Amino acid sequence: MKRSLPPCYGPIQGFNLRNDHRRLAIYILLLTYFCYASYHASRKPLSIVKTVLHSNTNRHPETSGFSSEGWKPFDSDNWSQLLGGLEYIYLFVYACSMILSGFLAERVDLRYFLSIGMFLSGISTFAFGLASYFEIHYYSYFVFIQVFSGLVQASGWPAVVTLVGNWWGKSRRGLIMGLWNSHTSLGNIIGSIVAGYYVETNWGASFYLPGFIMMFGALVVFLTVIEHPNMVTSNSVGSDMTLSRITELRNISESNALRERSDKDDLKPLLLTTDITRPINFIEAILLPNVFTYSLLLFFAKLVSYTFLYWLPNYLTNVEHVSAEQAAKLSVLFDVGGIIGGVLIGWFSDSQSNKQSLNEDENTLRRRAVACFVMLACAAPLLLAYRLMPNANSLMSLFILTCCGASINGPYALVTTAVSADLGTQSALQGRARALATITAIIDGMGSLGAAFGPLLTGLLVPYGWSAVFAMLITSDLLAMLMSMWIVVNSRRHYHQNHRIHYRVESTTNLI
């Protein structure tokens, strides 16, 4: 599909007087940051309002605006299964749609793709809140909204990661994307604050503002997003040709030159006839080095993260006996920790030994895995300590909750951003450019399956006590840690094998 410049390209050029690539890159980084923060802000309200949807004898009718019997059909004894089912439906559809989303993102104009996805996501968020206004009590209505939300919200991640990957290179990718990925936690914080403000009086209003923000963001994306630097007209060439046209002509020239040299080496035609502009398919992507292993790592890491995302306010309300509004405020600390953890793990994975290796891509991915291993190893004892805390409002409990957010969301943030970008631009692709969205979709799709499984399993385990839930979370964290350990060990073994081969070749060459 032919890409087009946005309607507001003229004003953008007026602001960007020197046609500075860096200014446009910073703008894309900030815009995608806002976009995905709004995605997460729209997902958070359900975890807050579930504390008032089900029957709760601790709630005071005179302050909540309705009785403590809850909101039908969630006022029954199986409320945890019903609410857990809604979360599972959304996340399962989201995970399955992620693969399709990555496929489409490689083949369509990202400006249209992202803006339409955001607009429909805003409508679905707004529609969930309308159940309060129109007194809707049909479980099928909520199921339909969750299915629709899962379909349209899957548009976000492959699109924003591809846009950032198009405009930003590999230099200090871990730190830059660690800072950028704080949009998930910021969105959760905004969603928690908005939902917490309305949850005790009118739970439906918790969804209205996030929905409007999404629709406004869709308009901004449609009017201003430039998909790739090659689409921007360059003033430095002294003509009206765009960089994309220049690149096309250069590729034709290089292709002709390569064709003339192909008779000299029987192996060269096999490499040179590969269409580097052809989007990579699912099988090719999943078989790339470390893609499947990192996908499994994210499956278990995201399981833990999303269980906290959806069930932490409920845990604080029912176990620690705090109000729904206070639970929303306390849960923000988990996301604050996520911001800190994402930045720290990105910086740590960038700051490791940068000595030249035989395989720079493999060395980078090994450093990322080491950083994940360290944080995941810290997460397990922190989860146990938080469960054993007697008072959720104590300073120590709040500190441990923040540390839990850092150690859990840090690896999750690194894998979904810097690692996905590393895997989508590794040398094994042999220059294939259009692979980032597909690989990102595979990794985040697998992670989203874990995100779907965690809240569902939590809903089934809650009747048996929260200790069973935390045991499940700790087990999942340890499995994620084992995946990171496998990547480290496997990469190190490959490094030593390649080093021995390289040494033998050098020795033979010196003898000759």
Protein backbone atom coordinates (compact mmCIF):
# COMPACT_ATOMS: atom_id res chain seq x y z
CA MET A 1 0.00 0.00 0.00
CA LYS A 2 1.31 3.43 -0.96
CA ARG A 3 2.21 5.60 2.03
CA SER A 4 1.04 9.20 2.08
CA LEU A 5 2.11 12.32 3.94
CA PRO A 6 -0.29 13.60 6.63
CA PRO A 7 -2.67 16.55 6.04
CA CYS A 8 -0.71 18.72 8.46
CA TYR A 9 2.64 18.05 6.80
CA GLY A 10 2.82 21.69 5.66
CA PRO A 11 2.56 23.18 9.17
CA ILE A 12 5.00 20.54 10.41
CA GLN A 13 7.51 21.67 7.80
CA GLY A 14 6.88 25.29 8.80
CA PHE A 15 7.80 24.46 12.38
CA ASN A 16 10.71 22.30 11.29
CA LEU A 17 12.41 25.11 9.31
CA ARG A 18 15.69 23.30 8.74
CA ASN A 19 14.00 20.01 7.87
CA ASP A 20 15.83 18.59 10.87
CA HIS A 21 15.47 14.82 11.06
CA ARG A 22 16.16 14.85 14.80
CA ARG A 23 13.26 17.20 15.54
CA LEU A 24 10.86 15.00 13.64
CA ALA A 25 12.25 11.90 15.35
CA ILE A 26 11.70 13.48 18.77
CA TYR A 27 8.17 14.45 17.77
CA ILE A 28 7.39 10.86 16.69
CA LEU A 29 8.86 9.57 19.96
CA LEU A 30 6.69 11.92 22.03
CA LEU A 31 3.55 11.31 19.97
CA THR A 32 3.84 7.52 20.18
CA TYR A 33 4.50 7.93 23.91
CA PHE A 34 1.20 9.80 24.29
CA CYS A 35 -0.62 7.30 22.06
CA TYR A 36 0.32 4.20 24.00
CA ALA A 37 -0.13 5.92 27.35
CA SER A 38 -3.73 6.54 26.27
CA TYR A 39 -4.09 2.86 25.34
CA HIS A 40 -3.08 1.83 28.86
CA ALA A 41 -5.18 4.55 30.49
CA SER A 42 -8.23 3.08 28.75
CA ARG A 43 -7.43 -0.45 30.01
CA LYS A 44 -6.99 0.43 33.67
CA PRO A 45 -10.53 1.49 34.79
CA LEU A 46 -11.94 -2.06 34.84
CA SER A 47 -9.42 -3.12 37.49
CA ILE A 48 -10.57 -0.18 39.63
CA VAL A 49 -14.33 -0.41 39.17
CA LYS A 50 -14.41 -4.17 39.78
CA THR A 51 -14.11 -3.30 43.48
CA VAL A 52 -17.62 -1.80 43.34
CA LEU A 53 -19.17 -4.10 40.73
CA HIS A 54 -19.28 -7.12 43.02
CA SER A 55 -20.92 -7.45 46.41
CA ASN A 56 -18.81 -5.94 49.19
CA THR A 57 -20.01 -5.59 52.74
CA ASN A 58 -17.14 -3.18 53.49
CA ARG A 59 -18.60 -0.55 51.16
CA HIS A 60 -20.71 2.25 52.61
CA PRO A 61 -23.83 2.96 50.50
CA GLU A 62 -24.01 6.58 51.61
CA THR A 63 -20.61 7.33 50.03
CA SER A 64 -20.62 5.00 47.06
CA GLY A 65 -23.87 6.14 45.52
CA PHE A 66 -25.39 2.67 45.32
CA SER A 67 -25.89 -0.30 47.60
CA SER A 68 -23.17 -2.66 48.73
CA GLU A 69 -24.91 -5.47 46.86
CA GLY A 70 -22.92 -4.62 43.73
CA TRP A 71 -23.90 -4.37 40.09
CA LYS A 72 -25.75 -7.21 38.42
CA PRO A 73 -24.66 -9.68 37.13
CA PHE A 74 -21.46 -9.32 39.20
CA ASP A 75 -23.24 -9.41 42.56
CA SER A 76 -23.34 -13.22 42.67
CA ASP A 77 -21.05 -15.57 44.57
CA ASN A 78 -19.06 -16.35 41.43
CA TRP A 79 -18.17 -12.68 40.84
CA SER A 80 -14.45 -13.42 40.64
CA GLN A 81 -14.99 -15.93 37.83
CA LEU A 82 -17.26 -13.51 35.94
CA LEU A 83 -14.85 -10.58 36.19
CA GLY A 84 -11.85 -12.81 35.57
CA GLY A 85 -13.65 -14.16 32.51
CA LEU A 86 -14.11 -10.65 31.12
CA GLU A 87 -10.41 -9.94 31.52
CA TYR A 88 -9.46 -13.28 29.99
CA ILE A 89 -11.76 -12.74 27.00
CA TYR A 90 -10.24 -9.33 26.31
CA LEU A 91 -6.64 -10.46 26.70
CA PHE A 92 -7.11 -13.68 24.72
CA VAL A 93 -8.71 -11.83 21.80
CA TYR A 94 -6.00 -9.17 22.12
CA ALA A 95 -3.24 -11.80 21.97
CA CYS A 96 -4.73 -13.55 18.93
CA SER A 97 -5.37 -10.24 17.18
CA MET A 98 -1.78 -9.15 17.81
CA ILE A 99 -0.49 -11.55 15.14
CA LEU A 100 -2.95 -10.18 12.59
CA SER A 101 -2.10 -6.66 13.69
CA GLY A 102 1.60 -7.21 13.07
CA PHE A 103 0.83 -8.71 9.66
CA LEU A 104 -1.26 -5.67 8.68
CA ALA A 105 1.16 -3.11 10.13
CA GLU A 106 3.87 -4.29 7.70
CA ARG A 107 1.54 -3.87 4.71
CA VAL A 108 -0.64 -0.78 5.25
CA ASP A 109 -0.13 2.91 5.96
CA LEU A 110 0.60 3.13 9.70
CA ARG A 111 -1.03 6.56 9.91
CA TYR A 112 -4.40 5.12 8.92
CA PHE A 113 -3.85 1.89 10.84
CA LEU A 114 -3.01 3.56 14.16
CA SER A 115 -5.58 6.36 13.94
CA ILE A 116 -8.46 4.00 13.12
CA GLY A 117 -7.37 1.60 15.87
CA MET A 118 -7.23 4.39 18.45
CA PHE A 119 -10.61 5.81 17.44
CA LEU A 120 -12.35 2.43 17.69
CA SER A 121 -10.57 1.73 20.99
CA GLY A 122 -11.92 5.00 22.37
CA ILE A 123 -15.44 4.04 21.33
CA SER A 124 -15.17 0.61 22.99
CA THR A 125 -13.88 2.18 26.23
CA PHE A 126 -16.69 4.73 26.24
CA ALA A 127 -19.26 1.99 25.53
CA PHE A 128 -18.24 0.02 28.62
CA GLY A 129 -19.04 3.01 30.81
CA LEU A 130 -22.42 3.50 29.13
CA ALA A 131 -23.61 0.33 30.89
CA SER A 132 -23.88 2.43 34.05
CA TYR A 133 -25.84 5.24 32.38
CA PHE A 134 -28.31 2.95 30.58
CA GLU A 135 -28.59 0.43 33.46
CA ILE A 136 -27.29 -2.48 31.37
CA HIS A 137 -26.98 -5.71 33.36
CA TYR A 138 -26.50 -8.27 30.58
CA TYR A 139 -23.24 -10.19 30.85
CA SER A 140 -23.31 -10.71 27.08
CA TYR A 141 -23.04 -6.93 26.60
CA PHE A 142 -19.81 -6.78 28.60
CA VAL A 143 -18.47 -9.83 26.76
CA PHE A 144 -19.15 -8.18 23.39
CA ILE A 145 -17.41 -4.97 24.48
CA GLN A 146 -14.36 -6.93 25.66
CA VAL A 147 -14.13 -8.90 22.41
CA PHE A 148 -14.36 -5.72 20.35
CA SER A 149 -11.81 -3.98 22.60
CA GLY A 150 -9.35 -6.85 22.22
CA LEU A 151 -9.61 -6.66 18.44
CA VAL A 152 -9.07 -2.92 18.07
CA GLN A 153 -6.58 -2.36 20.91
CA ALA A 154 -4.16 -4.83 19.31
CA SER A 155 -3.52 -2.15 16.70
CA GLY A 156 -1.42 -0.06 19.06
CA TRP A 157 1.76 -1.88 19.95
CA PRO A 158 3.07 -3.06 16.54
CA ALA A 159 2.31 0.37 15.10
CA VAL A 160 4.07 2.50 17.73
CA VAL A 161 7.12 0.21 17.98
CA THR A 162 7.50 0.22 14.20
CA LEU A 163 7.25 4.01 14.08
CA VAL A 164 9.92 4.37 16.76
CA GLY A 165 12.07 1.75 15.05
CA ASN A 166 11.77 3.64 11.74
CA TRP A 167 12.94 6.93 13.26
CA TRP A 168 15.47 5.82 15.90
CA GLY A 169 18.61 3.74 15.48
CA LYS A 170 20.37 1.23 17.73
CA SER A 171 22.48 3.69 19.74
CA ARG A 172 21.58 3.46 23.45
CA ARG A 173 18.37 1.72 22.47
CA GLY A 174 17.88 0.16 25.91
CA LEU A 175 17.92 3.48 27.77
CA ILE A 176 15.87 5.39 25.18
CA MET A 177 13.22 2.71 24.96
CA GLY A 178 13.29 2.22 28.72
CA LEU A 179 12.37 5.88 29.11
CA TRP A 180 9.87 5.68 26.26
CA ASN A 181 8.23 2.53 27.63
CA SER A 182 7.26 4.41 30.79
CA HIS A 183 4.14 5.28 28.80
CA THR A 184 2.61 1.98 29.99
CA SER A 185 3.01 2.90 33.64
CA LEU A 186 2.05 6.53 33.07
CA GLY A 187 -1.09 5.40 31.29
CA ASN A 188 -1.92 3.04 34.14
CA ILE A 189 -1.40 5.86 36.64
CA ILE A 190 -3.67 8.24 34.70
CA GLY A 191 -6.30 5.54 34.33
CA SER A 192 -6.11 4.73 38.05
CA ILE A 193 -6.43 8.37 39.12
CA VAL A 194 -9.38 9.05 36.81
CA ALA A 195 -11.17 5.84 37.74
CA GLY A 196 -10.42 6.32 41.43
CA TYR A 197 -12.00 9.77 41.35
CA TYR A 198 -15.32 8.50 40.00
CA VAL A 199 -15.45 4.91 41.30
CA GLU A 200 -17.30 5.69 44.54
CA THR A 201 -19.95 7.91 42.90
CA ASN A 202 -20.43 6.90 39.25
CA TRP A 203 -18.29 4.03 38.05
CA GLY A 204 -19.34 4.50 34.41
CA ALA A 205 -17.67 7.91 34.30
CA SER A 206 -14.34 6.16 34.95
CA PHE A 207 -14.38 5.10 31.29
CA TYR A 208 -15.54 8.32 29.64
CA LEU A 209 -12.40 10.48 29.88
CA PRO A 210 -9.96 7.71 28.78
CA GLY A 211 -12.27 7.05 25.83
CA PHE A 212 -12.29 10.71 24.80
CA ILE A 213 -8.48 10.88 25.13
CA MET A 214 -8.15 7.92 22.76
CA MET A 215 -10.39 9.53 20.14
CA PHE A 216 -8.52 12.83 20.40
CA GLY A 217 -5.22 10.98 20.00
CA ALA A 218 -6.57 9.27 16.88
CA LEU A 219 -7.21 12.68 15.32
CA VAL A 220 -3.68 13.89 16.12
CA VAL A 221 -2.16 10.73 14.64
CA PHE A 222 -4.18 11.03 11.44
CA LEU A 223 -3.21 14.68 10.97
CA THR A 224 0.49 14.55 11.82
CA VAL A 225 2.18 11.12 11.74
CA ILE A 226 4.97 10.66 9.20
CA GLU A 227 5.62 6.94 8.94
CA HIS A 228 9.23 6.93 7.78
CA PRO A 229 12.09 9.45 7.39
CA ASN A 230 12.29 8.57 3.69
CA MET A 231 8.89 10.19 3.19
CA VAL A 232 10.21 13.61 4.17
CA THR A 233 11.33 15.92 1.37
CA SER A 234 15.03 16.69 1.60
CA ASN A 235 16.17 20.23 0.84
CA SER A 236 19.81 19.22 0.78
CA VAL A 237 19.68 17.54 -2.63
CA GLY A 238 18.79 20.72 -4.49
CA SER A 239 15.69 19.30 -6.18
CA ASP A 240 12.10 18.38 -5.55
CA MET A 241 12.78 14.65 -5.34
CA THR A 242 11.93 12.94 -2.07
CA LEU A 243 14.32 10.71 -0.20
CA SER A 244 12.09 7.75 -0.96
CA ARG A 245 12.55 8.36 -4.72
CA ILE A 246 16.30 8.76 -4.29
CA THR A 247 16.44 5.54 -2.29
CA GLU A 248 14.44 3.79 -5.01
CA LEU A 249 16.83 4.95 -7.72
CA ARG A 250 19.84 3.98 -5.62
CA ASN A 251 18.40 0.51 -5.02
CA ILE A 252 17.81 0.06 -8.78
CA SER A 253 21.39 1.09 -9.51
CA GLU A 254 22.79 -1.22 -6.85
CA SER A 255 20.58 -4.06 -8.05
CA ASN A 256 21.91 -3.69 -11.61
CA ALA A 257 25.49 -3.64 -10.35
CA LEU A 258 24.92 -6.74 -8.26
CA ARG A 259 23.33 -8.52 -11.22
CA GLU A 260 26.41 -7.85 -13.34
CA ARG A 261 28.68 -9.35 -10.67
CA SER A 262 26.48 -12.39 -10.03
CA ASP A 263 28.23 -14.55 -12.64
CA LYS A 264 31.47 -14.37 -10.67
CA ASP A 265 30.22 -16.34 -7.68
CA ASP A 266 27.66 -19.12 -7.64
CA LEU A 267 26.64 -18.31 -4.09
CA LYS A 268 25.89 -14.63 -4.60
CA PRO A 269 22.66 -15.00 -6.59
CA LEU A 270 21.11 -16.95 -3.71
CA LEU A 271 21.62 -14.00 -1.38
CA LEU A 272 21.05 -11.17 -3.78
CA THR A 273 17.76 -12.42 -5.19
CA THR A 274 16.17 -12.18 -1.74
CA ASP A 275 13.58 -9.43 -1.79
CA ILE A 276 14.58 -7.32 1.18
CA THR A 277 11.43 -5.26 0.86
CA ARG A 278 9.16 -8.30 1.19
CA PRO A 279 7.56 -8.49 4.65
CA ILE A 280 8.72 -11.45 6.69
CA ASN A 281 6.16 -14.20 7.33
CA PHE A 282 5.21 -15.81 10.64
CA ILE A 283 7.27 -19.00 10.23
CA GLU A 284 10.39 -17.11 9.19
CA ALA A 285 10.02 -14.77 12.17
CA ILE A 286 9.44 -17.42 14.83
CA LEU A 287 12.50 -19.39 13.64
CA LEU A 288 14.86 -16.43 14.02
CA PRO A 289 17.41 -16.80 16.86
CA ASN A 290 16.01 -16.05 20.35
CA VAL A 291 12.55 -14.95 19.15
CA PHE A 292 10.70 -17.92 20.62
CA THR A 293 12.72 -17.97 23.86
CA TYR A 294 12.16 -14.28 24.52
CA SER A 295 8.49 -14.82 23.70
CA LEU A 296 8.27 -17.44 26.45
CA LEU A 297 10.08 -15.13 28.84
CA LEU A 298 7.53 -12.42 28.15
CA PHE A 299 4.66 -14.92 28.55
CA PHE A 300 5.55 -15.51 32.20
CA ALA A 301 6.67 -11.94 32.95
CA LYS A 302 3.50 -10.40 31.53
CA LEU A 303 1.39 -12.97 33.39
CA VAL A 304 2.69 -11.55 36.67
CA SER A 305 2.48 -7.92 35.55
CA TYR A 306 -1.10 -8.08 34.29
CA THR A 307 -2.28 -10.01 37.32
CA PHE A 308 -1.14 -7.04 39.39
CA LEU A 309 -2.64 -4.64 36.87
CA TYR A 310 -6.10 -6.19 37.10
CA TRP A 311 -6.23 -7.62 40.62
CA LEU A 312 -4.09 -5.41 42.88
CA PRO A 313 -6.91 -2.90 43.67
CA ASN A 314 -9.24 -5.80 44.44
CA TYR A 315 -6.63 -7.41 46.70
CA LEU A 316 -6.16 -4.16 48.61
CA THR A 317 -9.92 -3.69 49.02
CA ASN A 318 -10.84 -7.21 50.10
CA VAL A 319 -7.74 -8.29 52.01
CA GLU A 320 -6.30 -5.04 53.34
CA HIS A 321 -9.80 -3.51 53.76
CA VAL A 322 -9.05 -0.12 52.22
CA SER A 323 -11.61 1.90 50.26
CA ALA A 324 -11.87 1.60 46.48
CA GLU A 325 -10.52 5.12 46.02
CA GLN A 326 -7.57 4.48 48.32
CA ALA A 327 -6.86 1.16 46.60
CA ALA A 328 -6.66 2.99 43.27
CA LYS A 329 -4.14 5.43 44.72
CA LEU A 330 -2.00 2.73 46.35
CA SER A 331 -1.90 0.67 43.14
CA VAL A 332 -0.22 3.63 41.43
CA LEU A 333 3.00 2.78 43.30
CA PHE A 334 3.31 -0.45 41.35
CA ASP A 335 3.34 1.56 38.12
CA VAL A 336 5.74 4.13 39.56
CA GLY A 337 8.09 1.24 40.26
CA GLY A 338 7.55 0.07 36.68
CA ILE A 339 8.81 3.40 35.35
CA ILE A 340 11.91 3.20 37.54
CA GLY A 341 12.54 -0.43 36.63
CA GLY A 342 12.16 0.18 32.90
CA VAL A 343 14.72 3.00 32.93
CA LEU A 344 17.18 1.12 35.16
CA ILE A 345 17.10 -2.11 33.18
CA GLY A 346 17.46 -0.22 29.90
CA TRP A 347 20.48 1.67 31.20
CA PHE A 348 21.98 -1.49 32.72
CA SER A 349 21.60 -3.51 29.51
CA ASP A 350 23.24 -0.69 27.52
CA SER A 351 26.09 -0.09 29.95
CA GLN A 352 27.49 -3.61 29.97
CA SER A 353 30.74 -4.42 28.23
CA ASN A 354 30.65 -2.93 24.73
CA LYS A 355 33.74 -4.71 23.46
CA GLN A 356 33.56 -5.77 19.84
CA SER A 357 32.40 -9.37 19.58
CA LEU A 358 32.17 -11.84 16.77
CA ASN A 359 28.41 -11.41 16.76
CA GLU A 360 27.34 -8.01 18.00
CA ASP A 361 23.62 -8.83 17.79
CA GLU A 362 24.01 -11.96 19.90
CA ASN A 363 26.15 -10.10 22.43
CA THR A 364 23.50 -7.38 22.76
CA LEU A 365 20.71 -9.90 23.30
CA ARG A 366 22.82 -11.72 25.88
CA ARG A 367 23.29 -8.46 27.83
CA ARG A 368 19.54 -7.88 27.73
CA ALA A 369 18.96 -11.40 29.07
CA VAL A 370 21.45 -10.86 31.92
CA ALA A 371 19.61 -7.68 32.92
CA CYS A 372 16.28 -9.54 32.87
CA PHE A 373 17.72 -12.37 34.95
CA VAL A 374 18.95 -10.01 37.67
CA MET A 375 15.60 -8.26 38.06
CA LEU A 376 13.49 -11.41 37.86
CA ALA A 377 15.69 -13.02 40.52
CA CYS A 378 14.88 -10.08 42.81
CA ALA A 379 11.14 -10.22 42.07
CA ALA A 380 10.39 -13.60 43.69
CA PRO A 381 11.47 -12.72 47.27
CA LEU A 382 9.84 -9.29 46.91
CA LEU A 383 6.50 -10.90 45.99
CA LEU A 384 6.73 -13.16 49.02
CA ALA A 385 7.63 -10.25 51.28
CA TYR A 386 4.68 -8.18 50.04
CA ARG A 387 2.26 -11.02 50.70
CA LEU A 388 3.58 -11.31 54.28
CA MET A 389 3.25 -7.57 54.99
CA PRO A 390 0.61 -7.09 57.74
CA ASN A 391 -0.36 -3.52 56.79
CA ALA A 392 -0.75 -2.23 53.22
CA ASN A 393 -0.37 1.39 54.38
CA SER A 394 2.94 0.92 56.17
CA LEU A 395 6.02 2.59 54.73
CA MET A 396 7.78 -0.75 54.29
CA SER A 397 4.79 -2.24 52.46
CA LEU A 398 4.62 0.72 50.09
CA PHE A 399 8.36 0.48 49.44
CA ILE A 400 8.15 -3.25 48.68
CA LEU A 401 5.18 -2.67 46.35
CA THR A 402 7.23 -0.10 44.43
CA CYS A 403 10.17 -2.52 44.23
CA CYS A 404 7.81 -5.25 42.99
CA GLY A 405 6.72 -2.94 40.19
CA ALA A 406 10.34 -2.21 39.25
CA SER A 407 11.50 -5.84 39.25
CA ILE A 408 8.41 -7.19 37.44
CA ASN A 409 7.72 -4.46 34.89
CA GLY A 410 11.41 -3.80 34.18
CA PRO A 411 12.03 -7.05 32.24
CA TYR A 412 8.57 -6.81 30.66
CA ALA A 413 9.39 -3.30 29.43
CA LEU A 414 12.82 -4.28 28.09
CA VAL A 415 11.58 -7.31 26.14
CA THR A 416 8.63 -5.52 24.53
CA THR A 417 10.75 -2.57 23.40
CA ALA A 418 14.54 -2.81 23.08
CA VAL A 419 14.68 -6.61 22.72
CA SER A 420 11.89 -6.65 20.13
CA ALA A 421 13.68 -3.91 18.18
CA ASP A 422 16.99 -5.81 18.45
CA LEU A 423 15.40 -9.02 17.19
CA GLY A 424 13.61 -7.15 14.40
CA THR A 425 16.84 -5.64 13.07
CA GLN A 426 19.33 -8.47 13.70
CA SER A 427 21.85 -9.60 11.08
CA ALA A 428 20.05 -12.93 10.64
CA LEU A 429 17.41 -11.01 8.67
CA GLN A 430 20.04 -10.42 5.95
CA GLY A 431 18.92 -6.82 5.50
CA ARG A 432 15.19 -7.59 5.44
CA ALA A 433 13.72 -4.27 6.49
CA ARG A 434 10.05 -5.05 6.92
CA ALA A 435 10.18 -7.45 9.86
CA LEU A 436 9.96 -5.31 12.99
CA ALA A 437 6.17 -5.18 13.29
CA THR A 438 5.79 -8.94 12.74
CA ILE A 439 8.44 -9.88 15.30
CA THR A 440 7.06 -7.35 17.77
CA ALA A 441 3.57 -8.80 17.30
CA ILE A 442 4.79 -12.37 17.87
CA ILE A 443 6.64 -11.50 21.07
CA ASP A 444 3.92 -9.27 22.51
CA GLY A 445 1.23 -11.68 21.30
CA MET A 446 2.82 -14.51 23.27
CA GLY A 447 3.18 -12.19 26.24
CA SER A 448 -0.48 -11.24 25.94
CA LEU A 449 -1.45 -14.90 26.16
CA GLY A 450 0.32 -14.92 29.52
CA ALA A 451 -1.45 -11.69 30.41
CA ALA A 452 -4.76 -13.40 29.61
CA PHE A 453 -3.93 -16.55 31.53
CA GLY A 454 -2.80 -14.75 34.70
CA PRO A 455 -6.01 -12.84 35.55
CA LEU A 456 -8.14 -15.85 34.56
CA LEU A 457 -6.18 -18.18 36.81
CA THR A 458 -6.33 -15.58 39.58
CA GLY A 459 -10.11 -15.49 39.33
CA LEU A 460 -10.18 -19.26 39.76
CA LEU A 461 -7.69 -19.24 42.66
CA VAL A 462 -9.18 -16.38 44.70
CA PRO A 463 -11.79 -18.66 46.38
CA TYR A 464 -8.88 -20.77 47.68
CA GLY A 465 -7.11 -17.79 49.20
CA TRP A 466 -4.66 -15.15 48.09
CA SER A 467 -1.68 -17.24 49.18
CA ALA A 468 -2.44 -19.56 46.26
CA VAL A 469 -2.46 -16.55 43.93
CA PHE A 470 0.93 -15.35 45.13
CA ALA A 471 2.35 -18.87 44.83
CA MET A 472 1.26 -18.85 41.19
CA LEU A 473 2.87 -15.44 40.65
CA ILE A 474 6.17 -16.49 42.21
CA THR A 475 6.24 -19.68 40.12
CA SER A 476 5.64 -17.70 36.93
CA ASP A 477 8.40 -15.26 37.85
CA LEU A 478 10.86 -18.11 38.40
CA LEU A 479 9.95 -19.64 35.02
CA ALA A 480 10.61 -16.28 33.34
CA MET A 481 13.96 -16.17 35.14
CA LEU A 482 14.81 -19.63 33.79
CA MET A 483 14.07 -18.45 30.25
CA SER A 484 16.47 -15.54 30.67
CA MET A 485 19.10 -17.91 32.09
CA TRP A 486 18.70 -20.19 29.07
CA ILE A 487 19.32 -17.27 26.70
CA VAL A 488 22.45 -16.26 28.61
CA VAL A 489 23.90 -19.80 28.70
CA ASN A 490 23.01 -20.56 25.09
CA SER A 491 24.45 -17.27 23.83
CA ARG A 492 27.65 -17.82 25.78
CA ARG A 493 28.04 -21.31 24.33
CA HIS A 494 27.61 -19.97 20.80
CA TYR A 495 30.13 -17.23 21.55
CA HIS A 496 32.81 -19.72 22.65
CA GLN A 497 32.12 -21.94 19.62
CA ASN A 498 32.45 -19.00 17.24
CA HIS A 499 35.55 -17.78 19.09
CA ARG A 500 37.28 -21.17 18.65
CA ILE A 501 36.40 -21.26 14.96
CA HIS A 502 37.63 -17.69 14.51
CA TYR A 503 40.88 -18.51 16.32
CA ARG A 504 41.52 -21.57 14.11
CA VAL A 505 40.87 -19.58 10.95
CA GLU A 506 43.27 -16.84 12.07
CA SER A 507 45.93 -19.41 13.00
CA THR A 508 45.61 -21.13 9.62
CA THR A 509 45.80 -17.79 7.83
CA ASN A 510 48.95 -16.82 9.72
CA LEU A 511 50.61 -20.14 8.85
CA ILE A 512 49.83 -19.63 5.18
